Each structure stands twice: as structure tokens, then as C-alpha cells.
C-alpha atoms as a PDB file:
ATOM      1  CA  MET A   1      -0.066   0.100  -0.066  1.00  0.00           C
ATOM      2  CA  GLY A   2       1.189   3.515  -0.584  1.00  0.00           C
ATOM      3  CA  ILE A   3       1.021   6.838   1.476  1.00  0.00           C
ATOM      4  CA  VAL A   4       0.775  10.215  -0.280  1.00  0.00           C
ATOM      5  CA  ALA A   5       3.504  12.456   0.856  1.00  0.00           C
ATOM      6  CA  VAL A   6       3.019  15.855  -0.652  1.00  0.00           C
ATOM      7  CA  PRO A   7       4.418  19.096   0.850  1.00  0.00           C
ATOM      8  CA  GLU A   8       0.888  20.049   1.863  1.00  0.00           C
ATOM      9  CA  ALA A   9       0.615  16.838   3.751  1.00  0.00           C
ATOM     10  CA  GLY A  10       0.126  17.354   7.962  1.00  0.00           C
ATOM     11  CA  LEU A  11       2.660  14.813   9.542  1.00  0.00           C
ATOM     12  CA  ALA A  12       0.465  13.766  12.507  1.00  0.00           C
ATOM     13  CA  THR A  13      -2.241  11.952  10.337  1.00  0.00           C
ATOM     14  CA  LEU A  14       0.508  10.800   7.721  1.00  0.00           C
ATOM     15  CA  SER A  15       2.727   9.296  10.440  1.00  0.00           C
ATOM     16  CA  GLY A  16      -0.233   8.297  12.741  1.00  0.00           C
ATOM     17  CA  ILE A  17      -1.712   6.103   9.725  1.00  0.00           C
ATOM     18  CA  PHE A  18       1.944   4.578   8.847  1.00  0.00           C
ATOM     19  CA  ASP A  19       2.528   4.060  12.507  1.00  0.00           C
ATOM     20  CA  VAL A  20      -0.474   1.950  13.103  1.00  0.00           C
ATOM     21  CA  LEU A  21      -0.586   0.019   9.870  1.00  0.00           C
ATOM     22  CA  ASN A  22       3.211  -0.920  10.259  1.00  0.00           C
ATOM     23  CA  SER A  23       2.605  -1.541  14.011  1.00  0.00           C
ATOM     24  CA  LEU A  24       1.005  -5.126  12.468  1.00  0.00           C
ATOM     25  CA  SER A  25       4.154  -6.633  11.464  1.00  0.00           C
ATOM     26  CA  TRP A  26       5.528  -6.184  15.354  1.00  0.00           C
ATOM     27  CA  LEU A  27       2.283  -7.442  16.620  1.00  0.00           C
ATOM     28  CA  ALA A  28       2.002 -10.736  14.711  1.00  0.00           C
ATOM     29  CA  GLY A  29       0.803 -13.583  16.156  1.00  0.00           C
ATOM     30  CA  ARG A  30      -0.767 -11.515  19.056  1.00  0.00           C
ATOM     31  CA  ASP A  31      -4.112 -10.875  20.454  1.00  0.00           C
ATOM     32  CA  GLY A  32      -5.889 -12.315  16.960  1.00  0.00           C
ATOM     33  CA  ILE A  33      -3.048 -10.377  14.891  1.00  0.00           C
ATOM     34  CA  PRO A  34      -2.346 -12.402  11.635  1.00  0.00           C
ATOM     35  CA  PRO A  35       1.208 -13.797  11.828  1.00  0.00           C
ATOM     36  CA  ASP A  36       1.540 -12.465   7.835  1.00  0.00           C
ATOM     37  CA  PRO A  37       0.879  -8.404   8.256  1.00  0.00           C
ATOM     38  CA  PRO A  38      -1.440  -7.791   5.507  1.00  0.00           C
ATOM     39  CA  PHE A  39       0.227  -4.262   4.704  1.00  0.00           C
ATOM     40  CA  ARG A  40       3.414  -3.441   3.395  1.00  0.00           C
ATOM     41  CA  VAL A  41       3.293   0.269   3.711  1.00  0.00           C
ATOM     42  CA  GLU A  42       5.532   2.597   1.646  1.00  0.00           C
ATOM     43  CA  LEU A  43       5.602   6.270   1.441  1.00  0.00           C
ATOM     44  CA  LEU A  44       5.411   7.600  -2.194  1.00  0.00           C
ATOM     45  CA  GLY A  45       5.250  11.110  -3.654  1.00  0.00           C
ATOM     46  CA  GLU A  46       5.152  12.616  -6.965  1.00  0.00           C
ATOM     47  CA  GLY A  47       8.653  12.142  -7.352  1.00  0.00           C
ATOM     48  CA  ASP A  48      11.530   9.951  -5.236  1.00  0.00           C
ATOM     49  CA  GLY A  49      11.607  12.742  -2.840  1.00  0.00           C
ATOM     50  CA  PRO A  50      12.585  13.457   0.012  1.00  0.00           C
ATOM     51  CA  VAL A  51       9.835  15.808   0.806  1.00  0.00           C
ATOM     52  CA  GLN A  52       9.110  19.137   3.364  1.00  0.00           C
ATOM     53  CA  LEU A  53       5.786  19.000   4.851  1.00  0.00           C
ATOM     54  CA  ALA A  54       3.901  21.454   5.971  1.00  0.00           C
ATOM     55  CA  SER A  55       4.886  20.927   9.310  1.00  0.00           C
ATOM     56  CA  GLY A  56       8.512  22.130   8.068  1.00  0.00           C
ATOM     57  CA  ILE A  57       9.675  18.250   8.890  1.00  0.00           C
ATOM     58  CA  THR A  58      11.300  16.679   6.000  1.00  0.00           C
ATOM     59  CA  LEU A  59      10.505  12.988   5.188  1.00  0.00           C
ATOM     60  CA  PRO A  60      12.575  10.370   3.060  1.00  0.00           C
ATOM     61  CA  LEU A  61      10.074   8.858   0.863  1.00  0.00           C
ATOM     62  CA  ASP A  62      10.358   5.003  -0.535  1.00  0.00           C
ATOM     63  CA  GLY A  63       9.941   6.661  -4.153  1.00  0.00           C
ATOM     64  CA  ALA A  64       7.444   8.093  -6.804  1.00  0.00           C
ATOM     65  CA  ALA A  65       4.313   6.795  -6.781  1.00  0.00           C
ATOM     66  CA  GLN A  66       4.096   6.327 -10.589  1.00  0.00           C
ATOM     67  CA  GLY A  67       4.856   2.948 -11.464  1.00  0.00           C
ATOM     68  CA  ARG A  68       3.771   1.183  -7.958  1.00  0.00           C
ATOM     69  CA  PRO A  69       1.086  -1.567  -8.122  1.00  0.00           C
ATOM     70  CA  CYS A  70      -0.040  -0.380  -4.446  1.00  0.00           C
ATOM     71  CA  ASP A  71      -3.982  -2.053  -4.040  1.00  0.00           C
ATOM     72  CA  LEU A  72      -4.077   0.497  -1.357  1.00  0.00           C
ATOM     73  CA  VAL A  73      -3.930   4.077  -1.905  1.00  0.00           C
ATOM     74  CA  ILE A  74      -4.164   6.688   1.195  1.00  0.00           C
ATOM     75  CA  VAL A  75      -4.085  10.262   0.492  1.00  0.00           C
ATOM     76  CA  PRO A  76      -3.745  11.895   3.920  1.00  0.00           C
ATOM     77  CA  SER A  77      -5.016  15.186   5.777  1.00  0.00           C
ATOM     78  CA  LEU A  78      -3.810  18.019   3.453  1.00  0.00           C
ATOM     79  CA  PHE A  79      -2.983  21.789   4.712  1.00  0.00           C
ATOM     80  CA  VAL A  80      -5.533  23.855   2.382  1.00  0.00           C
ATOM     81  CA  ARG A  81      -5.140  27.889   2.354  1.00  0.00           C
ATOM     82  CA  ASP A  82      -8.398  30.140   2.635  1.00  0.00           C
ATOM     83  CA  ASP A  83      -8.039  30.265  -1.491  1.00  0.00           C
ATOM     84  CA  GLY A  84      -8.610  26.713  -2.347  1.00  0.00           C
ATOM     85  CA  TRP A  85      -6.801  23.635  -3.353  1.00  0.00           C
ATOM     86  CA  THR A  86      -5.104  24.345  -6.605  1.00  0.00           C
ATOM     87  CA  PRO A  87      -5.996  21.743  -9.228  1.00  0.00           C
ATOM     88  CA  GLY A  88      -3.277  20.498 -11.407  1.00  0.00           C
ATOM     89  CA  ARG A  89      -0.038  20.499  -8.581  1.00  0.00           C
ATOM     90  CA  TYR A  90       0.279  17.036  -8.820  1.00  0.00           C
ATOM     91  CA  PRO A  91      -0.640  15.449 -12.422  1.00  0.00           C
ATOM     92  CA  GLY A  92       1.550  12.474 -11.633  1.00  0.00           C
ATOM     93  CA  LEU A  93      -0.229  11.739  -8.831  1.00  0.00           C
ATOM     94  CA  VAL A  94      -3.697  11.908  -9.864  1.00  0.00           C
ATOM     95  CA  ARG A  95      -2.988   9.730 -13.309  1.00  0.00           C
ATOM     96  CA  TRP A  96      -1.423   7.454 -10.604  1.00  0.00           C
ATOM     97  CA  ILE A  97      -4.418   7.231  -8.152  1.00  0.00           C
ATOM     98  CA  LEU A  98      -6.717   6.831 -11.316  1.00  0.00           C
ATOM     99  CA  GLU A  99      -4.786   3.999 -12.902  1.00  0.00           C
ATOM    100  CA  ARG A 100      -4.495   1.989  -9.345  1.00  0.00           C
ATOM    101  CA  HIS A 101      -8.246   2.464  -9.241  1.00  0.00           C
ATOM    102  CA  GLY A 102      -8.707   0.693 -12.500  1.00  0.00           C
ATOM    103  CA  ALA A 103      -6.422  -1.909 -11.611  1.00  0.00           C
ATOM    104  CA  GLY A 104      -9.033  -2.219  -8.523  1.00  0.00           C
ATOM    105  CA  ALA A 105      -6.907  -0.559  -5.837  1.00  0.00           C
ATOM    106  CA  THR A 106      -8.602   0.838  -3.019  1.00  0.00           C
ATOM    107  CA  ILE A 107      -8.692   4.732  -2.571  1.00  0.00           C
ATOM    108  CA  CYS A 108      -8.593   6.233   0.745  1.00  0.00           C
ATOM    109  CA  SER A 109      -8.468   9.819   1.687  1.00  0.00           C
ATOM    110  CA  ALA A 110      -8.013  10.987   5.353  1.00  0.00           C
ATOM    111  CA  CYS A 111      -9.321  14.304   6.922  1.00  0.00           C
ATOM    112  CA  SER A 112      -8.937  16.879   3.539  1.00  0.00           C
ATOM    113  CA  GLY A 113      -6.688  14.574   1.986  1.00  0.00           C
ATOM    114  CA  LEU A 114     -10.199  14.543  -0.399  1.00  0.00           C
ATOM    115  CA  PHE A 115      -9.222  17.341  -2.059  1.00  0.00           C
ATOM    116  CA  LEU A 116      -6.207  15.873  -4.046  1.00  0.00           C
ATOM    117  CA  ILE A 117      -8.113  12.552  -4.844  1.00  0.00           C
ATOM    118  CA  ALA A 118     -11.283  14.551  -6.093  1.00  0.00           C
ATOM    119  CA  GLU A 119      -9.003  15.548  -9.131  1.00  0.00           C
ATOM    120  CA  THR A 120      -9.486  12.143 -10.416  1.00  0.00           C
ATOM    121  CA  GLY A 121     -13.302  12.276 -10.647  1.00  0.00           C
ATOM    122  CA  LEU A 122     -13.314   9.317  -8.981  1.00  0.00           C
ATOM    123  CA  PHE A 123     -15.802  10.824  -6.160  1.00  0.00           C
ATOM    124  CA  ASP A 124     -18.398  12.760  -8.397  1.00  0.00           C
ATOM    125  CA  GLY A 125     -21.845  11.649  -7.934  1.00  0.00           C
ATOM    126  CA  VAL A 126     -20.154   9.456  -4.720  1.00  0.00           C
ATOM    127  CA  ASP A 127     -20.616  10.285  -1.391  1.00  0.00           C
ATOM    128  CA  ALA A 128     -17.651  11.295   1.370  1.00  0.00           C
ATOM    129  CA  THR A 129     -16.327  12.885   4.065  1.00  0.00           C
ATOM    130  CA  ILE A 130     -14.106  15.696   4.861  1.00  0.00           C
ATOM    131  CA  HIS A 131     -12.878  17.894   7.763  1.00  0.00           C
ATOM    132  CA  TRP A 132     -15.611  20.137   8.586  1.00  0.00           C
ATOM    133  CA  PRO A 133     -13.995  23.826   9.067  1.00  0.00           C
ATOM    134  CA  TYR A 134     -12.946  22.578   4.670  1.00  0.00           C
ATOM    135  CA  ALA A 135     -16.566  21.543   3.925  1.00  0.00           C
ATOM    136  CA  ARG A 136     -18.135  24.704   2.303  1.00  0.00           C
ATOM    137  CA  MET A 137     -14.510  25.307   0.702  1.00  0.00           C
ATOM    138  CA  PHE A 138     -14.317  21.897  -0.510  1.00  0.00           C
ATOM    139  CA  THR A 139     -18.358  21.693  -1.865  1.00  0.00           C
ATOM    140  CA  ALA A 140     -17.813  24.917  -3.862  1.00  0.00           C
ATOM    141  CA  GLN A 141     -14.633  23.486  -5.691  1.00  0.00           C
ATOM    142  CA  TYR A 142     -15.932  19.843  -6.173  1.00  0.00           C
ATOM    143  CA  PRO A 143     -19.787  20.163  -6.430  1.00  0.00           C
ATOM    144  CA  ALA A 144     -20.284  16.505  -7.798  1.00  0.00           C
ATOM    145  CA  VAL A 145     -18.950  15.483  -4.593  1.00  0.00           C
ATOM    146  CA  ARG A 146     -21.676  14.641  -2.067  1.00  0.00           C
ATOM    147  CA  ALA A 147     -19.764  16.061   1.041  1.00  0.00           C
ATOM    148  CA  HIS A 148     -21.199  14.826   4.645  1.00  0.00           C
ATOM    149  CA  PRO A 149     -18.755  16.199   6.944  1.00  0.00           C
ATOM    150  CA  ASP A 150     -20.567  15.108  10.025  1.00  0.00           C
ATOM    151  CA  ARG A 151     -19.586  11.537   9.689  1.00  0.00           C
ATOM    152  CA  ALA A 152     -16.315  10.052  10.297  1.00  0.00           C
ATOM    153  CA  LEU A 153     -15.967   7.185   7.758  1.00  0.00           C
ATOM    154  CA  ILE A 154     -17.635   6.652   4.923  1.00  0.00           C
ATOM    155  CA  VAL A 155     -17.257   3.447   2.296  1.00  0.00           C
ATOM    156  CA  ALA A 156     -18.631   4.440  -0.724  1.00  0.00           C
ATOM    157  CA  GLY A 157     -18.216   3.141  -4.598  1.00  0.00           C
ATOM    158  CA  PRO A 158     -19.356  -0.004  -6.486  1.00  0.00           C
ATOM    159  CA  ARG A 159     -16.969  -2.081  -4.360  1.00  0.00           C
ATOM    160  CA  GLY A 160     -16.488  -0.408  -1.370  1.00  0.00           C
ATOM    161  CA  GLU A 161     -13.193   0.767  -2.743  1.00  0.00           C
ATOM    162  CA  LEU A 162     -13.556   4.691  -2.093  1.00  0.00           C
ATOM    163  CA  VAL A 163     -13.221   4.985   1.580  1.00  0.00           C
ATOM    164  CA  SER A 164     -13.069   8.659   3.524  1.00  0.00           C
ATOM    165  CA  SER A 165     -12.479   9.754   6.665  1.00  0.00           C
ATOM    166  CA  GLY A 166     -13.288  13.089   8.183  1.00  0.00           C
ATOM    167  CA  ALA A 167     -12.059  15.145  10.634  1.00  0.00           C
ATOM    168  CA  SER A 168      -8.192  15.349  11.607  1.00  0.00           C
ATOM    169  CA  THR A 169      -8.388  11.942  14.086  1.00  0.00           C
ATOM    170  CA  SER A 170     -11.189  10.548  12.434  1.00  0.00           C
ATOM    171  CA  TRP A 171      -7.983   8.420  10.597  1.00  0.00           C
ATOM    172  CA  HIS A 172      -8.464   6.351  13.666  1.00  0.00           C
ATOM    173  CA  ASP A 173     -11.701   5.085  12.080  1.00  0.00           C
ATOM    174  CA  LEU A 174      -9.650   4.541   8.550  1.00  0.00           C
ATOM    175  CA  VAL A 175      -7.074   2.127   9.811  1.00  0.00           C
ATOM    176  CA  LEU A 176      -9.564   0.332  12.316  1.00  0.00           C
ATOM    177  CA  TYR A 177     -11.592   0.006   9.365  1.00  0.00           C
ATOM    178  CA  LEU A 178      -8.599  -1.303   6.906  1.00  0.00           C
ATOM    179  CA  ILE A 179      -7.126  -3.422   9.612  1.00  0.00           C
ATOM    180  CA  GLY A 180     -10.698  -5.253  10.096  1.00  0.00           C
ATOM    181  CA  ARG A 181     -10.918  -5.486   6.274  1.00  0.00           C
ATOM    182  CA  GLU A 182      -7.896  -7.230   5.821  1.00  0.00           C
ATOM    183  CA  ALA A 183      -6.987  -8.667   8.902  1.00  0.00           C
ATOM    184  CA  GLY A 184      -9.847  -9.606  10.198  1.00  0.00           C
ATOM    185  CA  PRO A 185     -11.985  -7.881  13.514  1.00  0.00           C
ATOM    186  CA  ALA A 186     -10.113  -9.526  16.254  1.00  0.00           C
ATOM    187  CA  ALA A 187      -7.035  -7.687  15.042  1.00  0.00           C
ATOM    188  CA  ALA A 188      -9.019  -4.383  14.561  1.00  0.00           C
ATOM    189  CA  GLN A 189     -10.091  -4.604  18.265  1.00  0.00           C
ATOM    190  CA  ALA A 190      -6.138  -5.528  19.569  1.00  0.00           C
ATOM    191  CA  VAL A 191      -4.646  -2.847  17.657  1.00  0.00           C
ATOM    192  CA  CYS A 192      -7.460  -0.699  18.673  1.00  0.00           C
ATOM    193  CA  LYS A 193      -6.220  -1.465  22.525  1.00  0.00           C
ATOM    194  CA  VAL A 194      -2.692  -1.439  21.766  1.00  0.00           C
ATOM    195  CA  PHE A 195      -2.751   2.297  20.431  1.00  0.00           C
ATOM    196  CA  ALA A 196      -6.143   3.438  22.365  1.00  0.00           C
ATOM    197  CA  LEU A 197      -7.519   4.547  19.408  1.00  0.00           C
ATOM    198  CA  GLN A 198     -11.069   6.367  19.571  1.00  0.00           C
ATOM    199  CA  ARG A 199     -13.739   5.138  17.149  1.00  0.00           C
ATOM    200  CA  HIS A 200     -15.904   7.698  16.657  1.00  0.00           C
ATOM    201  CA  VAL A 201     -19.212   5.809  17.127  1.00  0.00           C
ATOM    202  CA  ASP A 202     -21.528   9.363  17.554  1.00  0.00           C
ATOM    203  CA  GLY A 203     -19.854  10.806  14.343  1.00  0.00           C
ATOM    204  CA  LEU A 204     -18.433  13.826  14.049  1.00  0.00           C
ATOM    205  CA  ALA A 205     -21.047  16.257  14.651  1.00  0.00           C
ATOM    206  CA  PRO A 206     -20.580  16.853  17.864  1.00  0.00           C
ATOM    207  CA  PHE A 207     -17.223  18.624  17.013  1.00  0.00           C
ATOM    208  CA  MET A 208     -18.738  20.481  14.568  1.00  0.00           C
ATOM    209  CA  VAL A 209     -19.057  24.213  15.110  1.00  0.00           C
ATOM    210  CA  PHE A 210     -21.699  26.028  13.693  1.00  0.00           C
ATOM    211  CA  ASP A 211     -20.073  28.619  11.163  1.00  0.00           C
ATOM    212  CA  PRO A 212     -22.717  30.136   8.770  1.00  0.00           C
ATOM    213  CA  PRO A 213     -21.715  32.434   5.941  1.00  0.00           C
ATOM    214  CA  ARG A 214     -20.791  35.628   6.615  1.00  0.00           C
ATOM    215  CA  GLY A 215     -19.485  37.294   3.721  1.00  0.00           C
ATOM    216  CA  HIS A 216     -22.296  36.558   1.128  1.00  0.00           C
ATOM    217  CA  GLY A 217     -23.453  40.192   0.420  1.00  0.00           C
ATOM    218  CA  ASP A 218     -26.938  40.572   1.357  1.00  0.00           C
ATOM    219  CA  ALA A 219     -26.555  43.510   4.241  1.00  0.00           C
ATOM    220  CA  LEU A 220     -29.859  42.984   5.527  1.00  0.00           C
ATOM    221  CA  VAL A 221     -29.374  39.409   6.458  1.00  0.00           C
ATOM    222  CA  GLU A 222     -25.813  40.405   7.889  1.00  0.00           C
ATOM    223  CA  ALA A 223     -27.830  42.471  10.169  1.00  0.00           C
ATOM    224  CA  SER A 224     -30.064  40.102  11.279  1.00  0.00           C
ATOM    225  CA  GLN A 225     -26.983  37.710  11.654  1.00  0.00           C
ATOM    226  CA  ALA A 226     -25.450  40.054  14.014  1.00  0.00           C
ATOM    227  CA  TRP A 227     -28.493  40.816  15.994  1.00  0.00           C
ATOM    228  CA  LEU A 228     -29.003  36.777  16.438  1.00  0.00           C
ATOM    229  CA  ASP A 229     -25.818  36.552  17.880  1.00  0.00           C
ATOM    230  CA  SER A 230     -26.985  38.261  20.751  1.00  0.00           C
ATOM    231  CA  HIS A 231     -30.885  37.890  20.913  1.00  0.00           C
ATOM    232  CA  ALA A 232     -31.048  34.193  19.886  1.00  0.00           C
ATOM    233  CA  SER A 233     -32.430  33.485  22.999  1.00  0.00           C
ATOM    234  CA  VAL A 234     -35.370  35.838  22.999  1.00  0.00           C
ATOM    235  CA  ALA A 235     -38.914  34.740  22.626  1.00  0.00           C
ATOM    236  CA  PHE A 236     -39.957  34.327  18.736  1.00  0.00           C
ATOM    237  CA  PRO A 237     -36.797  35.451  17.720  1.00  0.00           C
ATOM    238  CA  VAL A 238     -37.962  34.743  13.871  1.00  0.00           C
ATOM    239  CA  ARG A 239     -40.651  36.915  14.287  1.00  0.00           C
ATOM    240  CA  GLU A 240     -38.605  40.010  15.613  1.00  0.00           C
ATOM    241  CA  MET A 241     -36.277  39.841  12.871  1.00  0.00           C
ATOM    242  CA  VAL A 242     -38.711  39.964   9.915  1.00  0.00           C
ATOM    243  CA  SER A 243     -40.235  42.986  11.751  1.00  0.00           C
ATOM    244  CA  ARG A 244     -36.899  44.373  11.571  1.00  0.00           C
ATOM    245  CA  SER A 245     -36.297  43.331   8.183  1.00  0.00           C
ATOM    246  CA  GLY A 246     -39.526  45.581   7.089  1.00  0.00           C
ATOM    247  CA  LEU A 247     -40.228  42.484   4.509  1.00  0.00           C
ATOM    248  CA  SER A 248     -42.863  39.902   4.406  1.00  0.00           C
ATOM    249  CA  GLU A 249     -42.540  36.952   6.499  1.00  0.00           C
ATOM    250  CA  ARG A 250     -42.414  34.922   3.284  1.00  0.00           C
ATOM    251  CA  GLY A 251     -39.939  37.368   1.441  1.00  0.00           C
ATOM    252  CA  PHE A 252     -37.141  37.695   4.413  1.00  0.00           C
ATOM    253  CA  SER A 253     -37.110  33.825   4.577  1.00  0.00           C
ATOM    254  CA  ARG A 254     -36.154  33.285   1.220  1.00  0.00           C
ATOM    255  CA  ARG A 255     -33.758  36.061   0.976  1.00  0.00           C
ATOM    256  CA  PHE A 256     -32.430  34.392   4.100  1.00  0.00           C
ATOM    257  CA  GLN A 257     -32.123  30.942   2.660  1.00  0.00           C
ATOM    258  CA  ALA A 258     -30.540  32.005   0.129  1.00  0.00           C
ATOM    259  CA  ALA A 259     -27.990  34.091   1.852  1.00  0.00           C
ATOM    260  CA  THR A 260     -26.949  31.902   4.660  1.00  0.00           C
ATOM    261  CA  GLY A 261     -28.164  27.984   3.226  1.00  0.00           C
ATOM    262  CA  HIS A 262     -30.464  27.658   6.196  1.00  0.00           C
ATOM    263  CA  SER A 263     -34.017  28.549   6.687  1.00  0.00           C
ATOM    264  CA  PRO A 264     -34.577  31.239   9.795  1.00  0.00           C
ATOM    265  CA  LEU A 265     -35.623  28.625  12.530  1.00  0.00           C
ATOM    266  CA  ASP A 266     -32.931  25.891  11.240  1.00  0.00           C
ATOM    267  CA  TYR A 267     -30.212  29.224  11.863  1.00  0.00           C
ATOM    268  CA  VAL A 268     -31.470  29.730  15.142  1.00  0.00           C
ATOM    269  CA  GLN A 269     -31.747  26.233  16.315  1.00  0.00           C
ATOM    270  CA  HIS A 270     -28.419  25.655  15.334  1.00  0.00           C
ATOM    271  CA  LEU A 271     -27.131  29.205  17.087  1.00  0.00           C
ATOM    272  CA  ARG A 272     -29.252  28.077  20.485  1.00  0.00           C
ATOM    273  CA  VAL A 273     -27.252  24.654  20.483  1.00  0.00           C
ATOM    274  CA  GLU A 274     -23.844  26.293  19.638  1.00  0.00           C
ATOM    275  CA  HIS A 275     -24.662  28.795  22.857  1.00  0.00           C
ATOM    276  CA  ALA A 276     -25.667  25.585  24.753  1.00  0.00           C
ATOM    277  CA  LYS A 277     -22.975  23.824  24.151  1.00  0.00           C
ATOM    278  CA  ARG A 278     -20.215  26.983  25.506  1.00  0.00           C
ATOM    279  CA  ARG A 279     -22.301  27.039  28.545  1.00  0.00           C
ATOM    280  CA  LEU A 280     -22.202  22.555  29.006  1.00  0.00           C
ATOM    281  CA  GLU A 281     -18.265  23.526  28.389  1.00  0.00           C
ATOM    282  CA  ARG A 282     -17.653  25.976  30.826  1.00  0.00           C
ATOM    283  CA  THR A 283     -20.136  25.690  33.748  1.00  0.00           C
ATOM    284  CA  LEU A 284     -21.737  23.404  35.881  1.00  0.00           C
ATOM    285  CA  GLU A 285     -25.378  24.788  35.390  1.00  0.00           C
ATOM    286  CA  PRO A 286     -28.146  21.994  35.596  1.00  0.00           C
ATOM    287  CA  ILE A 287     -29.348  21.374  32.101  1.00  0.00           C
ATOM    288  CA  GLU A 288     -32.512  22.689  32.967  1.00  0.00           C
ATOM    289  CA  GLN A 289     -31.052  25.974  33.313  1.00  0.00           C
ATOM    290  CA  VAL A 290     -28.905  25.803  30.203  1.00  0.00           C
ATOM    291  CA  ALA A 291     -32.108  25.250  28.459  1.00  0.00           C
ATOM    292  CA  TRP A 292     -33.874  28.592  29.695  1.00  0.00           C
ATOM    293  CA  ALA A 293     -30.968  30.426  28.950  1.00  0.00           C
ATOM    294  CA  VAL A 294     -30.961  29.669  25.371  1.00  0.00           C
ATOM    295  CA  GLY A 295     -34.293  29.991  24.823  1.00  0.00           C
ATOM    296  CA  TYR A 296     -35.936  27.037  25.608  1.00  0.00           C
ATOM    297  CA  GLU A 297     -38.597  26.762  28.348  1.00  0.00           C
ATOM    298  CA  ASP A 298     -39.286  23.245  28.015  1.00  0.00           C
ATOM    299  CA  PRO A 299     -36.187  20.899  28.515  1.00  0.00           C
ATOM    300  CA  SER A 300     -37.610  17.898  26.864  1.00  0.00           C
ATOM    301  CA  ALA A 301     -37.640  19.369  23.935  1.00  0.00           C
ATOM    302  CA  PHE A 302     -34.630  21.440  24.749  1.00  0.00           C
ATOM    303  CA  ARG A 303     -32.814  17.892  24.909  1.00  0.00           C
ATOM    304  CA  ARG A 304     -34.443  16.260  21.593  1.00  0.00           C
ATOM    305  CA  LEU A 305     -33.240  19.524  19.702  1.00  0.00           C
ATOM    306  CA  PHE A 306     -29.769  19.403  20.917  1.00  0.00           C
ATOM    307  CA  ALA A 307     -29.727  15.738  20.392  1.00  0.00           C
ATOM    308  CA  ARG A 308     -30.615  16.029  16.613  1.00  0.00           C
ATOM    309  CA  ILE A 309     -28.361  18.470  15.670  1.00  0.00           C
ATOM    310  CA  ALA A 310     -25.344  17.773  17.885  1.00  0.00           C
ATOM    311  CA  GLY A 311     -25.817  14.110  17.793  1.00  0.00           C
ATOM    312  CA  ILE A 312     -25.271  13.293  21.379  1.00  0.00           C
ATOM    313  CA  SER A 313     -27.446  14.692  24.517  1.00  0.00           C
ATOM    314  CA  PRO A 314     -26.533  17.462  26.261  1.00  0.00           C
ATOM    315  CA  GLY A 315     -25.377  15.243  29.248  1.00  0.00           C
ATOM    316  CA  GLN A 316     -23.006  13.450  27.045  1.00  0.00           C
ATOM    317  CA  TYR A 317     -21.671  16.357  25.351  1.00  0.00           C
ATOM    318  CA  ARG A 318     -20.757  17.826  28.851  1.00  0.00           C
ATOM    319  CA  ARG A 319     -19.225  14.693  29.972  1.00  0.00           C
ATOM    320  CA  GLN A 320     -17.145  14.669  26.451  1.00  0.00           C
ATOM    321  CA  PHE A 321     -15.977  18.237  26.141  1.00  0.00           C
ATOM    322  CA  ALA A 322     -16.381  20.275  29.889  1.00  0.00           C
ATOM    323  CA  GLN A 323     -13.201  22.341  29.960  1.00  0.00           C
ATOM    324  CA  PRO A 324     -10.783  20.064  32.388  1.00  0.00           C
ATOM    325  CA  ASP A 325     -10.043  21.160  35.860  1.00  0.00           C
ATOM    326  CA  SER A 326      -6.161  20.232  36.098  1.00  0.00           C
ATOM    327  CA  ALA A 327      -6.019  20.313  40.009  1.00  0.00           C
ATOM    328  CA  ASN A 328      -8.711  17.594  40.104  1.00  0.00           C
ATOM    329  CA  GLY A 329      -7.061  14.997  37.723  1.00  0.00           C
ATOM    330  CA  GLY A 330      -8.270  16.576  34.825  1.00  0.00           C
ATOM    331  CA  HIS A 331     -12.023  15.871  35.347  1.00  0.00           C
ATOM    332  CA  PRO A 332     -14.028  18.613  35.908  1.00  0.00           C
ATOM    333  CA  ASP A 333     -16.800  17.127  38.376  1.00  0.00           C
ATOM    334  CA  ALA A 334     -14.013  15.455  39.851  1.00  0.00           C
ATOM    335  CA  PRO A 335     -13.698  15.826  44.410  1.00  0.00           C
ATOM    336  CA  PRO A 336     -10.298  17.721  44.989  1.00  0.00           C
ATOM    337  CA  CYS A 337      -7.567  15.368  46.411  1.00  0.00           C
END
């Protein structure tokens, strides 16, 4: 198998994937891991290297990708600037990925590695996931790819040969899936325990931050968004925005949806949940008080809405994301020593 190394690649994802898949050789024969490792991992590039990664660290390569008969290709995280990915930087790699797919190889992206693979067109019309801060940029550049940034891992293609993992450490889900597929579930479980890898069983929605577009050019909608930032918890905020706009309810809703991609009510709900997340992270307020503070008198309705948008309950969110108290062993609710 080949892991693609280009100057935009991030060290953490690349090295993590490399180390975990290579570990099957020194773990061979233990805890359900087969005696013959299913992977022989190579670092491959546009040329034969070495390559200085985005972090400034230089890696030697096993060689150029062209001509290598890999049956598994992984493109790890890439650092993409705000102006987007520039296609055509690595034509040799794009051709090679297409050739390997045509020969039956599995093609995988981790995090933002999907930008490079998308140049091949293999993911056009296919479901995929990508690191959520890049999702809007990616969709604008590659609208034919059906991006789902809330999902940790997606296996697609007629042969299950197009695999993508989402934000950052969801490469854990990718390597565990590949190990399970090639070496069996017992091997995947053993490696999971050895490295304390984290499967994102609740998806990536709990990690996502609501970040609606602001630079859309509609001053009226931008003013409504700015007002909502500090007034989302008031009673009937949509009605208030419509009144302030001077438009009809239908006209305002149509204009708001066109500018932000959200209906006014959906926008308010997402914003209220985002405000609730901050309170759950930073306070020990009861859930009922958090619900009231962000605009909901019915705690049950708040819990249902929160779970629908965040993917987990408010209580689960607090346990996972509450700011740690280092004096109490890292647990915000741990008793003092």
C-alpha cells in the first residue's frame, strides 16, 4: 500500500496512519493478529523525494508513486489555504491514483486528503466525508462530490473501494476499518487497544461548530445575523427579525435562506445549540437552566433538539467536552484530592 506524501501533507495524520498500519508486523501472532502482516506500507510522492511537509519536517520517500503497483492508496490530511486547493499541482499522482483504481485498488482519503483525490473525478456523484472546516470550500470547488462532514467514515463505490474519513483523528476510524477488512475484526480490536485509538461512534456532529457564511453580500441578512448573535434566546426571534427587516415573512425567509443556506428557524436552532454547548463546556449549570438560558422553557424539547443537531445528548456533550480542571485530575466534576 502507498501513503501519498506531498508538501501540503500534515505530519500527525500521515505518521499516525503509517505507524499503526506498520504495527501489524511487530504485533504479528498476538491477540488475533495474523502472523503474516497484510500491509507493506510505502511513502510515495510525485517525485522520489525527500519531501518537506507542511510542518517543516522533511521525510524520505520510498520512491515516486508512478509505476508502483499498490492495491491500497491513502492520501492523508492536507493543509489547504483559504483561497482553496489549486488543482494540477500533482498531475503524476492524479494519473497514478486513477490507474490504481482502474486496476482494482482501494482509494482512501483522510481528513482533507479528499481535495487531491477529487481531481480524479472518482468521487463525483459519490458520498464522502471531509474535515468540517473545509466542507464549504470543498463543496464550492467540487460540487459533484456529496460531502457529509458530520460522518467519521464513509465507504462508497461499487466495490466499497472509495473510502473517506473526516476530521483530524477520524483517521483512527479509517485504519481500524482497513485492518478489520484485511486482517479481521479481532486484529482491529487488538490494535485499537494497543494504541488507545478512538472510534467516533457518534459521528463528528458533536465536534462541529456552527459557522454560517457571513461574506454573502446581503447587508440586511448580515444585520439579522449580527442581531441574532446576542438575541437568539429571546422569545420568537424569527418574528422579531422579520419585523426588523421590513419584509414579508415569506420574502425575508427566502432571502435569508439564499444568503446563509439555512431557513431562519433552522439558523436560530443551530445558534441556540451552539450557545448551549459553550455553557455546557464552561459551567456546571443544570441542563434545565442551560435550556432556559438559550431560549427553551421545555427541557425535554431542548434535549431532543440538541441531540438532533449535536448528535449526542446535552449530558453526553458535557461529559465529553467540559473544560478539564487540572487540579482535579483533569475531570471537571472530580472531587478535590
